[in-house]
Amino acid sequence: AFPAMLPKGSETHGGEDVAVYASGPWSHLFTGSYEQNVIPHMMAYA
């Protein structure tokens, strides 16, 4: 178990954005900053 700054029984998630990596048809749509719920719509478009 690596060190933690304050005690919790289970470490929490973080709130920062996450990366999206894409390769293949229409993968250029996946650039920029967007809401997470846009991802399936871009896959469906492709």
ModelCIF file with pLDDT and N, C-alpha, C, O atoms, coordinates in Angstrom:
data_MODEL
#
_entry.id   MODEL 
#
_entity.id                         1 
_entity.type                       polymer 
_entity.pdbx_number_of_molecules   1 
#
_entity_poly.entity_id                      1 
_entity_poly.type                           'polypeptide(L)' 
_entity_poly.nstd_linkage                   no 
_entity_poly.nstd_monomer                   no 
_entity_poly.pdbx_seq_one_letter_code       AFPAMLPKGSETHGGEDVAVYASGPWSHLFTGSYEQNVIPHMMAYA 
_entity_poly.pdbx_seq_one_letter_code_can   AFPAMLPKGSETHGGEDVAVYASGPWSHLFTGSYEQNVIPHMMAYA 
_entity_poly.pdbx_strand_id                 A 
#
loop_
_entity_poly_seq.entity_id 
_entity_poly_seq.num 
_entity_poly_seq.mon_id 
_entity_poly_seq.hetero 
1 1  ALA n 
1 2  PHE n 
1 3  PRO n 
1 4  ALA n 
1 5  MET n 
1 6  LEU n 
1 7  PRO n 
1 8  LYS n 
1 9  GLY n 
1 10 SER n 
1 11 GLU n 
1 12 THR n 
1 13 HIS n 
1 14 GLY n 
1 15 GLY n 
1 16 GLU n 
1 17 ASP n 
1 18 VAL n 
1 19 ALA n 
1 20 VAL n 
1 21 TYR n 
1 22 ALA n 
1 23 SER n 
1 24 GLY n 
1 25 PRO n 
1 26 TRP n 
1 27 SER n 
1 28 HIS n 
1 29 LEU n 
1 30 PHE n 
1 31 THR n 
1 32 GLY n 
1 33 SER n 
1 34 TYR n 
1 35 GLU n 
1 36 GLN n 
1 37 ASN n 
1 38 VAL n 
1 39 ILE n 
1 40 PRO n 
1 41 HIS n 
1 42 MET n 
1 43 MET n 
1 44 ALA n 
1 45 TYR n 
1 46 ALA n 
#
_struct_asym.id          A 
_struct_asym.entity_id   1 
#
loop_
_ma_qa_metric.id 
_ma_qa_metric.mode 
_ma_qa_metric.name 
_ma_qa_metric.software_group_id 
_ma_qa_metric.type 
1 global pLDDT . pLDDT 
2 local  pLDDT . pLDDT 
#
_ma_qa_metric_global.metric_id      1 
_ma_qa_metric_global.metric_value   98.02 
_ma_qa_metric_global.model_id       1 
_ma_qa_metric_global.ordinal_id     1 
#
loop_
_ma_qa_metric_local.label_asym_id 
_ma_qa_metric_local.label_comp_id 
_ma_qa_metric_local.label_seq_id 
_ma_qa_metric_local.metric_id 
_ma_qa_metric_local.metric_value 
_ma_qa_metric_local.model_id 
_ma_qa_metric_local.ordinal_id 
A ALA 1  2 98.00 1 1  
A PHE 2  2 98.00 1 2  
A PRO 3  2 98.00 1 3  
A ALA 4  2 98.00 1 4  
A MET 5  2 97.00 1 5  
A LEU 6  2 96.00 1 6  
A PRO 7  2 97.00 1 7  
A LYS 8  2 98.00 1 8  
A GLY 9  2 98.00 1 9  
A SER 10 2 98.00 1 10 
A GLU 11 2 98.00 1 11 
A THR 12 2 98.00 1 12 
A HIS 13 2 98.00 1 13 
A GLY 14 2 98.00 1 14 
A GLY 15 2 98.00 1 15 
A GLU 16 2 98.00 1 16 
A ASP 17 2 98.00 1 17 
A VAL 18 2 98.00 1 18 
A ALA 19 2 98.00 1 19 
A VAL 20 2 99.00 1 20 
A TYR 21 2 99.00 1 21 
A ALA 22 2 98.00 1 22 
A SER 23 2 98.00 1 23 
A GLY 24 2 98.00 1 24 
A PRO 25 2 98.00 1 25 
A TRP 26 2 98.00 1 26 
A SER 27 2 98.00 1 27 
A HIS 28 2 98.00 1 28 
A LEU 29 2 98.00 1 29 
A PHE 30 2 98.00 1 30 
A THR 31 2 98.00 1 31 
A GLY 32 2 98.00 1 32 
A SER 33 2 98.00 1 33 
A TYR 34 2 98.00 1 34 
A GLU 35 2 98.00 1 35 
A GLN 36 2 99.00 1 36 
A ASN 37 2 98.00 1 37 
A VAL 38 2 98.00 1 38 
A ILE 39 2 99.00 1 39 
A PRO 40 2 98.00 1 40 
A HIS 41 2 98.00 1 41 
A MET 42 2 98.00 1 42 
A MET 43 2 99.00 1 43 
A ALA 44 2 98.00 1 44 
A TYR 45 2 98.00 1 45 
A ALA 46 2 98.00 1 46 
#
loop_
_atom_site.group_PDB 
_atom_site.id 
_atom_site.type_symbol 
_atom_site.label_atom_id 
_atom_site.label_alt_id 
_atom_site.label_comp_id 
_atom_site.label_asym_id 
_atom_site.label_entity_id 
_atom_site.label_seq_id 
_atom_site.pdbx_PDB_ins_code 
_atom_site.Cartn_x 
_atom_site.Cartn_y 
_atom_site.Cartn_z 
_atom_site.occupancy 
_atom_site.B_iso_or_equiv 
_atom_site.pdbx_formal_charge 
_atom_site.auth_seq_id 
_atom_site.auth_comp_id 
_atom_site.auth_asym_id 
_atom_site.auth_atom_id 
_atom_site.pdbx_PDB_model_num 
ATOM 1   N N  . ALA A 1 1  ? 0.841   -1.197 0.000   1.00 98.00 ? 1  ALA A N  1 
ATOM 2   C CA . ALA A 1 1  ? 0.000   0.000  0.000   1.00 98.00 ? 1  ALA A CA 1 
ATOM 3   C C  . ALA A 1 1  ? 0.876   1.246  0.000   1.00 98.00 ? 1  ALA A C  1 
ATOM 4   O O  . ALA A 1 1  ? 1.682   1.450  0.907   1.00 98.00 ? 1  ALA A O  1 
ATOM 5   N N  . PHE A 1 2  ? 0.712   2.064  -1.010  1.00 98.00 ? 2  PHE A N  1 
ATOM 6   C CA . PHE A 1 2  ? 1.497   3.287  -1.131  1.00 98.00 ? 2  PHE A CA 1 
ATOM 7   C C  . PHE A 1 2  ? 0.915   4.377  -0.222  1.00 98.00 ? 2  PHE A C  1 
ATOM 8   O O  . PHE A 1 2  ? -0.253  4.304  0.158   1.00 98.00 ? 2  PHE A O  1 
ATOM 9   N N  . PRO A 1 3  ? 1.727   5.391  0.129   1.00 98.00 ? 3  PRO A N  1 
ATOM 10  C CA . PRO A 1 3  ? 1.293   6.391  1.106   1.00 98.00 ? 3  PRO A CA 1 
ATOM 11  C C  . PRO A 1 3  ? 0.118   7.230  0.630   1.00 98.00 ? 3  PRO A C  1 
ATOM 12  O O  . PRO A 1 3  ? -0.023  7.513  -0.559  1.00 98.00 ? 3  PRO A O  1 
ATOM 13  N N  . ALA A 1 4  ? -0.726  7.625  1.586   1.00 98.00 ? 4  ALA A N  1 
ATOM 14  C CA . ALA A 1 4  ? -1.858  8.509  1.326   1.00 98.00 ? 4  ALA A CA 1 
ATOM 15  C C  . ALA A 1 4  ? -1.837  9.650  2.325   1.00 98.00 ? 4  ALA A C  1 
ATOM 16  O O  . ALA A 1 4  ? -1.376  9.487  3.455   1.00 98.00 ? 4  ALA A O  1 
ATOM 17  N N  . MET A 1 5  ? -2.340  10.819 1.905   1.00 97.00 ? 5  MET A N  1 
ATOM 18  C CA . MET A 1 5  ? -2.251  12.020 2.728   1.00 97.00 ? 5  MET A CA 1 
ATOM 19  C C  . MET A 1 5  ? -3.260  12.027 3.865   1.00 97.00 ? 5  MET A C  1 
ATOM 20  O O  . MET A 1 5  ? -2.975  12.558 4.939   1.00 97.00 ? 5  MET A O  1 
ATOM 21  N N  . LEU A 1 6  ? -4.432  11.449 3.649   1.00 96.00 ? 6  LEU A N  1 
ATOM 22  C CA . LEU A 1 6  ? -5.440  11.407 4.713   1.00 96.00 ? 6  LEU A CA 1 
ATOM 23  C C  . LEU A 1 6  ? -6.124  10.051 4.703   1.00 96.00 ? 6  LEU A C  1 
ATOM 24  O O  . LEU A 1 6  ? -6.193  9.397  3.663   1.00 96.00 ? 6  LEU A O  1 
ATOM 25  N N  . PRO A 1 7  ? -6.631  9.624  5.853   1.00 97.00 ? 7  PRO A N  1 
ATOM 26  C CA . PRO A 1 7  ? -7.184  8.258  5.948   1.00 97.00 ? 7  PRO A CA 1 
ATOM 27  C C  . PRO A 1 7  ? -8.570  8.121  5.329   1.00 97.00 ? 7  PRO A C  1 
ATOM 28  O O  . PRO A 1 7  ? -9.464  8.928  5.582   1.00 97.00 ? 7  PRO A O  1 
ATOM 29  N N  . LYS A 1 8  ? -8.728  7.087  4.519   1.00 98.00 ? 8  LYS A N  1 
ATOM 30  C CA . LYS A 1 8  ? -10.034 6.654  4.032   1.00 98.00 ? 8  LYS A CA 1 
ATOM 31  C C  . LYS A 1 8  ? -9.956  5.151  3.797   1.00 98.00 ? 8  LYS A C  1 
ATOM 32  O O  . LYS A 1 8  ? -8.909  4.632  3.408   1.00 98.00 ? 8  LYS A O  1 
ATOM 33  N N  . GLY A 1 9  ? -11.061 4.456  4.033   1.00 98.00 ? 9  GLY A N  1 
ATOM 34  C CA . GLY A 1 9  ? -11.066 3.019  3.817   1.00 98.00 ? 9  GLY A CA 1 
ATOM 35  C C  . GLY A 1 9  ? -10.861 2.648  2.366   1.00 98.00 ? 9  GLY A C  1 
ATOM 36  O O  . GLY A 1 9  ? -10.294 1.599  2.058   1.00 98.00 ? 9  GLY A O  1 
ATOM 37  N N  . SER A 1 10 ? -11.328 3.519  1.464   1.00 98.00 ? 10 SER A N  1 
ATOM 38  C CA . SER A 1 10 ? -11.146 3.313  0.034   1.00 98.00 ? 10 SER A CA 1 
ATOM 39  C C  . SER A 1 10 ? -10.798 4.650  -0.598  1.00 98.00 ? 10 SER A C  1 
ATOM 40  O O  . SER A 1 10 ? -11.504 5.639  -0.403  1.00 98.00 ? 10 SER A O  1 
ATOM 41  N N  . GLU A 1 11 ? -9.724  4.678  -1.344  1.00 98.00 ? 11 GLU A N  1 
ATOM 42  C CA . GLU A 1 11 ? -9.281  5.920  -2.002  1.00 98.00 ? 11 GLU A CA 1 
ATOM 43  C C  . GLU A 1 11 ? -10.346 6.404  -2.977  1.00 98.00 ? 11 GLU A C  1 
ATOM 44  O O  . GLU A 1 11 ? -11.085 5.598  -3.543  1.00 98.00 ? 11 GLU A O  1 
ATOM 45  N N  . THR A 1 12 ? -10.426 7.710  -3.174  1.00 98.00 ? 12 THR A N  1 
ATOM 46  C CA . THR A 1 12 ? -11.476 8.280  -4.007  1.00 98.00 ? 12 THR A CA 1 
ATOM 47  C C  . THR A 1 12 ? -11.025 8.468  -5.453  1.00 98.00 ? 12 THR A C  1 
ATOM 48  O O  . THR A 1 12 ? -9.835  8.456  -5.767  1.00 98.00 ? 12 THR A O  1 
ATOM 49  N N  . HIS A 1 13 ? -12.010 8.640  -6.311  1.00 98.00 ? 13 HIS A N  1 
ATOM 50  C CA . HIS A 1 13 ? -11.747 9.011  -7.696  1.00 98.00 ? 13 HIS A CA 1 
ATOM 51  C C  . HIS A 1 13 ? -11.238 10.453 -7.756  1.00 98.00 ? 13 HIS A C  1 
ATOM 52  O O  . HIS A 1 13 ? -11.310 11.198 -6.779  1.00 98.00 ? 13 HIS A O  1 
ATOM 53  N N  . GLY A 1 14 ? -10.722 10.824 -8.930  1.00 98.00 ? 14 GLY A N  1 
ATOM 54  C CA . GLY A 1 14 ? -10.333 12.202 -9.184  1.00 98.00 ? 14 GLY A CA 1 
ATOM 55  C C  . GLY A 1 14 ? -11.302 12.817 -10.182 1.00 98.00 ? 14 GLY A C  1 
ATOM 56  O O  . GLY A 1 14 ? -11.975 12.099 -10.921 1.00 98.00 ? 14 GLY A O  1 
ATOM 57  N N  . GLY A 1 15 ? -11.374 14.132 -10.205 1.00 98.00 ? 15 GLY A N  1 
ATOM 58  C CA . GLY A 1 15 ? -12.364 14.811 -11.033 1.00 98.00 ? 15 GLY A CA 1 
ATOM 59  C C  . GLY A 1 15 ? -11.841 15.429 -12.315 1.00 98.00 ? 15 GLY A C  1 
ATOM 60  O O  . GLY A 1 15 ? -12.620 15.994 -13.083 1.00 98.00 ? 15 GLY A O  1 
ATOM 61  N N  . GLU A 1 16 ? -10.519 15.336 -12.571 1.00 98.00 ? 16 GLU A N  1 
ATOM 62  C CA . GLU A 1 16 ? -9.991  15.975 -13.778 1.00 98.00 ? 16 GLU A CA 1 
ATOM 63  C C  . GLU A 1 16 ? -10.397 15.209 -15.038 1.00 98.00 ? 16 GLU A C  1 
ATOM 64  O O  . GLU A 1 16 ? -10.835 14.061 -14.975 1.00 98.00 ? 16 GLU A O  1 
ATOM 65  N N  . ASP A 1 17 ? -10.240 15.872 -16.174 1.00 98.00 ? 17 ASP A N  1 
ATOM 66  C CA . ASP A 1 17 ? -10.583 15.254 -17.454 1.00 98.00 ? 17 ASP A CA 1 
ATOM 67  C C  . ASP A 1 17 ? -9.716  14.027 -17.715 1.00 98.00 ? 17 ASP A C  1 
ATOM 68  O O  . ASP A 1 17 ? -8.633  13.881 -17.149 1.00 98.00 ? 17 ASP A O  1 
ATOM 69  N N  . VAL A 1 18 ? -10.214 13.150 -18.582 1.00 98.00 ? 18 VAL A N  1 
ATOM 70  C CA . VAL A 1 18 ? -9.452  11.960 -18.979 1.00 98.00 ? 18 VAL A CA 1 
ATOM 71  C C  . VAL A 1 18 ? -9.150  12.038 -20.468 1.00 98.00 ? 18 VAL A C  1 
ATOM 72  O O  . VAL A 1 18 ? -9.864  12.697 -21.224 1.00 98.00 ? 18 VAL A O  1 
ATOM 73  N N  . ALA A 1 19 ? -8.088  11.361 -20.880 1.00 98.00 ? 19 ALA A N  1 
ATOM 74  C CA . ALA A 1 19 ? -7.682  11.373 -22.286 1.00 98.00 ? 19 ALA A CA 1 
ATOM 75  C C  . ALA A 1 19 ? -8.515  10.388 -23.101 1.00 98.00 ? 19 ALA A C  1 
ATOM 76  O O  . ALA A 1 19 ? -8.980  9.370  -22.587 1.00 98.00 ? 19 ALA A O  1 
ATOM 77  N N  . VAL A 1 20 ? -8.694  10.708 -24.376 1.00 99.00 ? 20 VAL A N  1 
ATOM 78  C CA . VAL A 1 20 ? -9.361  9.828  -25.343 1.00 99.00 ? 20 VAL A CA 1 
ATOM 79  C C  . VAL A 1 20 ? -8.413  9.672  -26.530 1.00 99.00 ? 20 VAL A C  1 
ATOM 80  O O  . VAL A 1 20 ? -8.048  10.659 -27.170 1.00 99.00 ? 20 VAL A O  1 
ATOM 81  N N  . TYR A 1 21 ? -8.018  8.447  -26.822 1.00 99.00 ? 21 TYR A N  1 
ATOM 82  C CA . TYR A 1 21 ? -7.090  8.148  -27.916 1.00 99.00 ? 21 TYR A CA 1 
ATOM 83  C C  . TYR A 1 21 ? -7.874  7.427  -29.010 1.00 99.00 ? 21 TYR A C  1 
ATOM 84  O O  . TYR A 1 21 ? -8.672  6.537  -28.717 1.00 99.00 ? 21 TYR A O  1 
ATOM 85  N N  . ALA A 1 22 ? -7.647  7.810  -30.284 1.00 98.00 ? 22 ALA A N  1 
ATOM 86  C CA . ALA A 1 22 ? -8.430  7.207  -31.358 1.00 98.00 ? 22 ALA A CA 1 
ATOM 87  C C  . ALA A 1 22 ? -7.570  6.896  -32.582 1.00 98.00 ? 22 ALA A C  1 
ATOM 88  O O  . ALA A 1 22 ? -6.622  7.612  -32.904 1.00 98.00 ? 22 ALA A O  1 
ATOM 89  N N  . SER A 1 23 ? -7.933  5.805  -33.250 1.00 98.00 ? 23 SER A N  1 
ATOM 90  C CA . SER A 1 23 ? -7.221  5.353  -34.445 1.00 98.00 ? 23 SER A CA 1 
ATOM 91  C C  . SER A 1 23 ? -8.214  4.674  -35.374 1.00 98.00 ? 23 SER A C  1 
ATOM 92  O O  . SER A 1 23 ? -8.999  3.834  -34.933 1.00 98.00 ? 23 SER A O  1 
ATOM 93  N N  . GLY A 1 24 ? -8.189  5.030  -36.665 1.00 98.00 ? 24 GLY A N  1 
ATOM 94  C CA . GLY A 1 24 ? -9.086  4.408  -37.620 1.00 98.00 ? 24 GLY A CA 1 
ATOM 95  C C  . GLY A 1 24 ? -10.051 5.417  -38.222 1.00 98.00 ? 24 GLY A C  1 
ATOM 96  O O  . GLY A 1 24 ? -9.837  6.623  -38.100 1.00 98.00 ? 24 GLY A O  1 
ATOM 97  N N  . PRO A 1 25 ? -11.131 4.933  -38.883 1.00 98.00 ? 25 PRO A N  1 
ATOM 98  C CA . PRO A 1 25 ? -12.069 5.836  -39.552 1.00 98.00 ? 25 PRO A CA 1 
ATOM 99  C C  . PRO A 1 25 ? -12.662 6.893  -38.620 1.00 98.00 ? 25 PRO A C  1 
ATOM 100 O O  . PRO A 1 25 ? -13.172 6.590  -37.541 1.00 98.00 ? 25 PRO A O  1 
ATOM 101 N N  . TRP A 1 26 ? -12.578 8.136  -39.073 1.00 98.00 ? 26 TRP A N  1 
ATOM 102 C CA . TRP A 1 26 ? -13.135 9.287  -38.361 1.00 98.00 ? 26 TRP A CA 1 
ATOM 103 C C  . TRP A 1 26 ? -12.511 9.511  -36.980 1.00 98.00 ? 26 TRP A C  1 
ATOM 104 O O  . TRP A 1 26 ? -13.110 10.159 -36.122 1.00 98.00 ? 26 TRP A O  1 
ATOM 105 N N  . SER A 1 27 ? -11.314 8.975  -36.773 1.00 98.00 ? 27 SER A N  1 
ATOM 106 C CA . SER A 1 27 ? -10.649 9.168  -35.479 1.00 98.00 ? 27 SER A CA 1 
ATOM 107 C C  . SER A 1 27 ? -10.303 10.628 -35.230 1.00 98.00 ? 27 SER A C  1 
ATOM 108 O O  . SER A 1 27 ? -10.102 11.029 -34.084 1.00 98.00 ? 27 SER A O  1 
ATOM 109 N N  . HIS A 1 28 ? -10.231 11.436 -36.300 1.00 98.00 ? 28 HIS A N  1 
ATOM 110 C CA . HIS A 1 28 ? -9.925  12.860 -36.124 1.00 98.00 ? 28 HIS A CA 1 
ATOM 111 C C  . HIS A 1 28 ? -11.053 13.602 -35.404 1.00 98.00 ? 28 HIS A C  1 
ATOM 112 O O  . HIS A 1 28 ? -10.854 14.725 -34.941 1.00 98.00 ? 28 HIS A O  1 
ATOM 113 N N  . LEU A 1 29 ? -12.230 12.986 -35.305 1.00 98.00 ? 29 LEU A N  1 
ATOM 114 C CA . LEU A 1 29 ? -13.324 13.613 -34.550 1.00 98.00 ? 29 LEU A CA 1 
ATOM 115 C C  . LEU A 1 29 ? -13.027 13.688 -33.056 1.00 98.00 ? 29 LEU A C  1 
ATOM 116 O O  . LEU A 1 29 ? -13.595 14.519 -32.347 1.00 98.00 ? 29 LEU A O  1 
ATOM 117 N N  . PHE A 1 30 ? -12.150 12.830 -32.586 1.00 98.00 ? 30 PHE A N  1 
ATOM 118 C CA . PHE A 1 30 ? -11.952 12.672 -31.146 1.00 98.00 ? 30 PHE A CA 1 
ATOM 119 C C  . PHE A 1 30 ? -10.912 13.640 -30.569 1.00 98.00 ? 30 PHE A C  1 
ATOM 120 O O  . PHE A 1 30 ? -10.354 13.378 -29.503 1.00 98.00 ? 30 PHE A O  1 
ATOM 121 N N  . THR A 1 31 ? -10.646 14.748 -31.255 1.00 98.00 ? 31 THR A N  1 
ATOM 122 C CA . THR A 1 31 ? -9.693  15.742 -30.771 1.00 98.00 ? 31 THR A CA 1 
ATOM 123 C C  . THR A 1 31 ? -10.426 16.885 -30.079 1.00 98.00 ? 31 THR A C  1 
ATOM 124 O O  . THR A 1 31 ? -11.626 17.082 -30.269 1.00 98.00 ? 31 THR A O  1 
ATOM 125 N N  . GLY A 1 32 ? -9.674  17.638 -29.268 1.00 98.00 ? 32 GLY A N  1 
ATOM 126 C CA . GLY A 1 32 ? -10.263 18.761 -28.551 1.00 98.00 ? 32 GLY A CA 1 
ATOM 127 C C  . GLY A 1 32 ? -10.786 18.350 -27.186 1.00 98.00 ? 32 GLY A C  1 
ATOM 128 O O  . GLY A 1 32 ? -10.457 17.282 -26.670 1.00 98.00 ? 32 GLY A O  1 
ATOM 129 N N  . SER A 1 33 ? -11.598 19.212 -26.619 1.00 98.00 ? 33 SER A N  1 
ATOM 130 C CA . SER A 1 33 ? -12.191 18.973 -25.292 1.00 98.00 ? 33 SER A CA 1 
ATOM 131 C C  . SER A 1 33 ? -13.700 18.889 -25.449 1.00 98.00 ? 33 SER A C  1 
ATOM 132 O O  . SER A 1 33 ? -14.311 19.745 -26.089 1.00 98.00 ? 33 SER A O  1 
ATOM 133 N N  . TYR A 1 34 ? -14.304 17.856 -24.864 1.00 98.00 ? 34 TYR A N  1 
ATOM 134 C CA . TYR A 1 34 ? -15.736 17.667 -25.046 1.00 98.00 ? 34 TYR A CA 1 
ATOM 135 C C  . TYR A 1 34 ? -16.327 16.915 -23.861 1.00 98.00 ? 34 TYR A C  1 
ATOM 136 O O  . TYR A 1 34 ? -15.605 16.362 -23.031 1.00 98.00 ? 34 TYR A O  1 
ATOM 137 N N  . GLU A 1 35 ? -17.642 16.905 -23.802 1.00 98.00 ? 35 GLU A N  1 
ATOM 138 C CA . GLU A 1 35 ? -18.344 16.161 -22.762 1.00 98.00 ? 35 GLU A CA 1 
ATOM 139 C C  . GLU A 1 35 ? -18.195 14.661 -23.033 1.00 98.00 ? 35 GLU A C  1 
ATOM 140 O O  . GLU A 1 35 ? -18.144 14.231 -24.186 1.00 98.00 ? 35 GLU A O  1 
ATOM 141 N N  . GLN A 1 36 ? -18.129 13.889 -21.980 1.00 99.00 ? 36 GLN A N  1 
ATOM 142 C CA . GLN A 1 36 ? -17.933 12.448 -22.111 1.00 99.00 ? 36 GLN A CA 1 
ATOM 143 C C  . GLN A 1 36 ? -19.054 11.772 -22.895 1.00 99.00 ? 36 GLN A C  1 
ATOM 144 O O  . GLN A 1 36 ? -18.821 10.779 -23.584 1.00 99.00 ? 36 GLN A O  1 
ATOM 145 N N  . ASN A 1 37 ? -20.265 12.306 -22.790 1.00 98.00 ? 37 ASN A N  1 
ATOM 146 C CA . ASN A 1 37 ? -21.399 11.665 -23.456 1.00 98.00 ? 37 ASN A CA 1 
ATOM 147 C C  . ASN A 1 37 ? -21.373 11.819 -24.975 1.00 98.00 ? 37 ASN A C  1 
ATOM 148 O O  . ASN A 1 37 ? -22.188 11.211 -25.668 1.00 98.00 ? 37 ASN A O  1 
ATOM 149 N N  . VAL A 1 38 ? -20.444 12.628 -25.505 1.00 98.00 ? 38 VAL A N  1 
ATOM 150 C CA . VAL A 1 38 ? -20.331 12.789 -26.959 1.00 98.00 ? 38 VAL A CA 1 
ATOM 151 C C  . VAL A 1 38 ? -19.647 11.564 -27.592 1.00 98.00 ? 38 VAL A C  1 
ATOM 152 O O  . VAL A 1 38 ? -19.834 11.291 -28.777 1.00 98.00 ? 38 VAL A O  1 
ATOM 153 N N  . ILE A 1 39 ? -18.859 10.835 -26.797 1.00 99.00 ? 39 ILE A N  1 
ATOM 154 C CA . ILE A 1 39 ? -18.040 9.737  -27.331 1.00 99.00 ? 39 ILE A CA 1 
ATOM 155 C C  . ILE A 1 39 ? -18.855 8.708  -28.115 1.00 99.00 ? 39 ILE A C  1 
ATOM 156 O O  . ILE A 1 39 ? -18.470 8.397  -29.242 1.00 99.00 ? 39 ILE A O  1 
ATOM 157 N N  . PRO A 1 40 ? -19.966 8.155  -27.589 1.00 98.00 ? 40 PRO A N  1 
ATOM 158 C CA . PRO A 1 40 ? -20.692 7.145  -28.376 1.00 98.00 ? 40 PRO A CA 1 
ATOM 159 C C  . PRO A 1 40 ? -21.317 7.718  -29.641 1.00 98.00 ? 40 PRO A C  1 
ATOM 160 O O  . PRO A 1 40 ? -21.481 7.007  -30.633 1.00 98.00 ? 40 PRO A O  1 
ATOM 161 N N  . HIS A 1 41 ? -21.666 8.999  -29.611 1.00 98.00 ? 41 HIS A N  1 
ATOM 162 C CA . HIS A 1 41 ? -22.245 9.611  -30.804 1.00 98.00 ? 41 HIS A CA 1 
ATOM 163 C C  . HIS A 1 41 ? -21.204 9.726  -31.916 1.00 98.00 ? 41 HIS A C  1 
ATOM 164 O O  . HIS A 1 41 ? -21.539 9.569  -33.090 1.00 98.00 ? 41 HIS A O  1 
ATOM 165 N N  . MET A 1 42 ? -19.940 10.000 -31.561 1.00 98.00 ? 42 MET A N  1 
ATOM 166 C CA . MET A 1 42 ? -18.885 10.052 -32.565 1.00 98.00 ? 42 MET A CA 1 
ATOM 167 C C  . MET A 1 42 ? -18.587 8.656  -33.104 1.00 98.00 ? 42 MET A C  1 
ATOM 168 O O  . MET A 1 42 ? -18.358 8.496  -34.303 1.00 98.00 ? 42 MET A O  1 
ATOM 169 N N  . MET A 1 43 ? -18.587 7.642  -32.234 1.00 99.00 ? 43 MET A N  1 
ATOM 170 C CA . MET A 1 43 ? -18.385 6.271  -32.703 1.00 99.00 ? 43 MET A CA 1 
ATOM 171 C C  . MET A 1 43 ? -19.530 5.838  -33.607 1.00 99.00 ? 43 MET A C  1 
ATOM 172 O O  . MET A 1 43 ? -19.308 5.166  -34.614 1.00 99.00 ? 43 MET A O  1 
ATOM 173 N N  . ALA A 1 44 ? -20.759 6.223  -33.250 1.00 98.00 ? 44 ALA A N  1 
ATOM 174 C CA . ALA A 1 44 ? -21.925 5.870  -34.056 1.00 98.00 ? 44 ALA A CA 1 
ATOM 175 C C  . ALA A 1 44 ? -21.880 6.582  -35.408 1.00 98.00 ? 44 ALA A C  1 
ATOM 176 O O  . ALA A 1 44 ? -22.254 6.002  -36.428 1.00 98.00 ? 44 ALA A O  1 
ATOM 177 N N  . TYR A 1 45 ? -21.426 7.825  -35.419 1.00 98.00 ? 45 TYR A N  1 
ATOM 178 C CA . TYR A 1 45 ? -21.290 8.570  -36.672 1.00 98.00 ? 45 TYR A CA 1 
ATOM 179 C C  . TYR A 1 45 ? -20.331 7.832  -37.610 1.00 98.00 ? 45 TYR A C  1 
ATOM 180 O O  . TYR A 1 45 ? -20.609 7.664  -38.797 1.00 98.00 ? 45 TYR A O  1 
ATOM 181 N N  . ALA A 1 46 ? -19.199 7.397  -37.050 1.00 98.00 ? 46 ALA A N  1 
ATOM 182 C CA . ALA A 1 46 ? -18.174 6.739  -37.867 1.00 98.00 ? 46 ALA A CA 1 
ATOM 183 C C  . ALA A 1 46 ? -18.656 5.419  -38.447 1.00 98.00 ? 46 ALA A C  1 
ATOM 184 O O  . ALA A 1 46 ? -17.909 4.746  -39.157 1.00 98.00 ? 46 ALA A O  1 
#
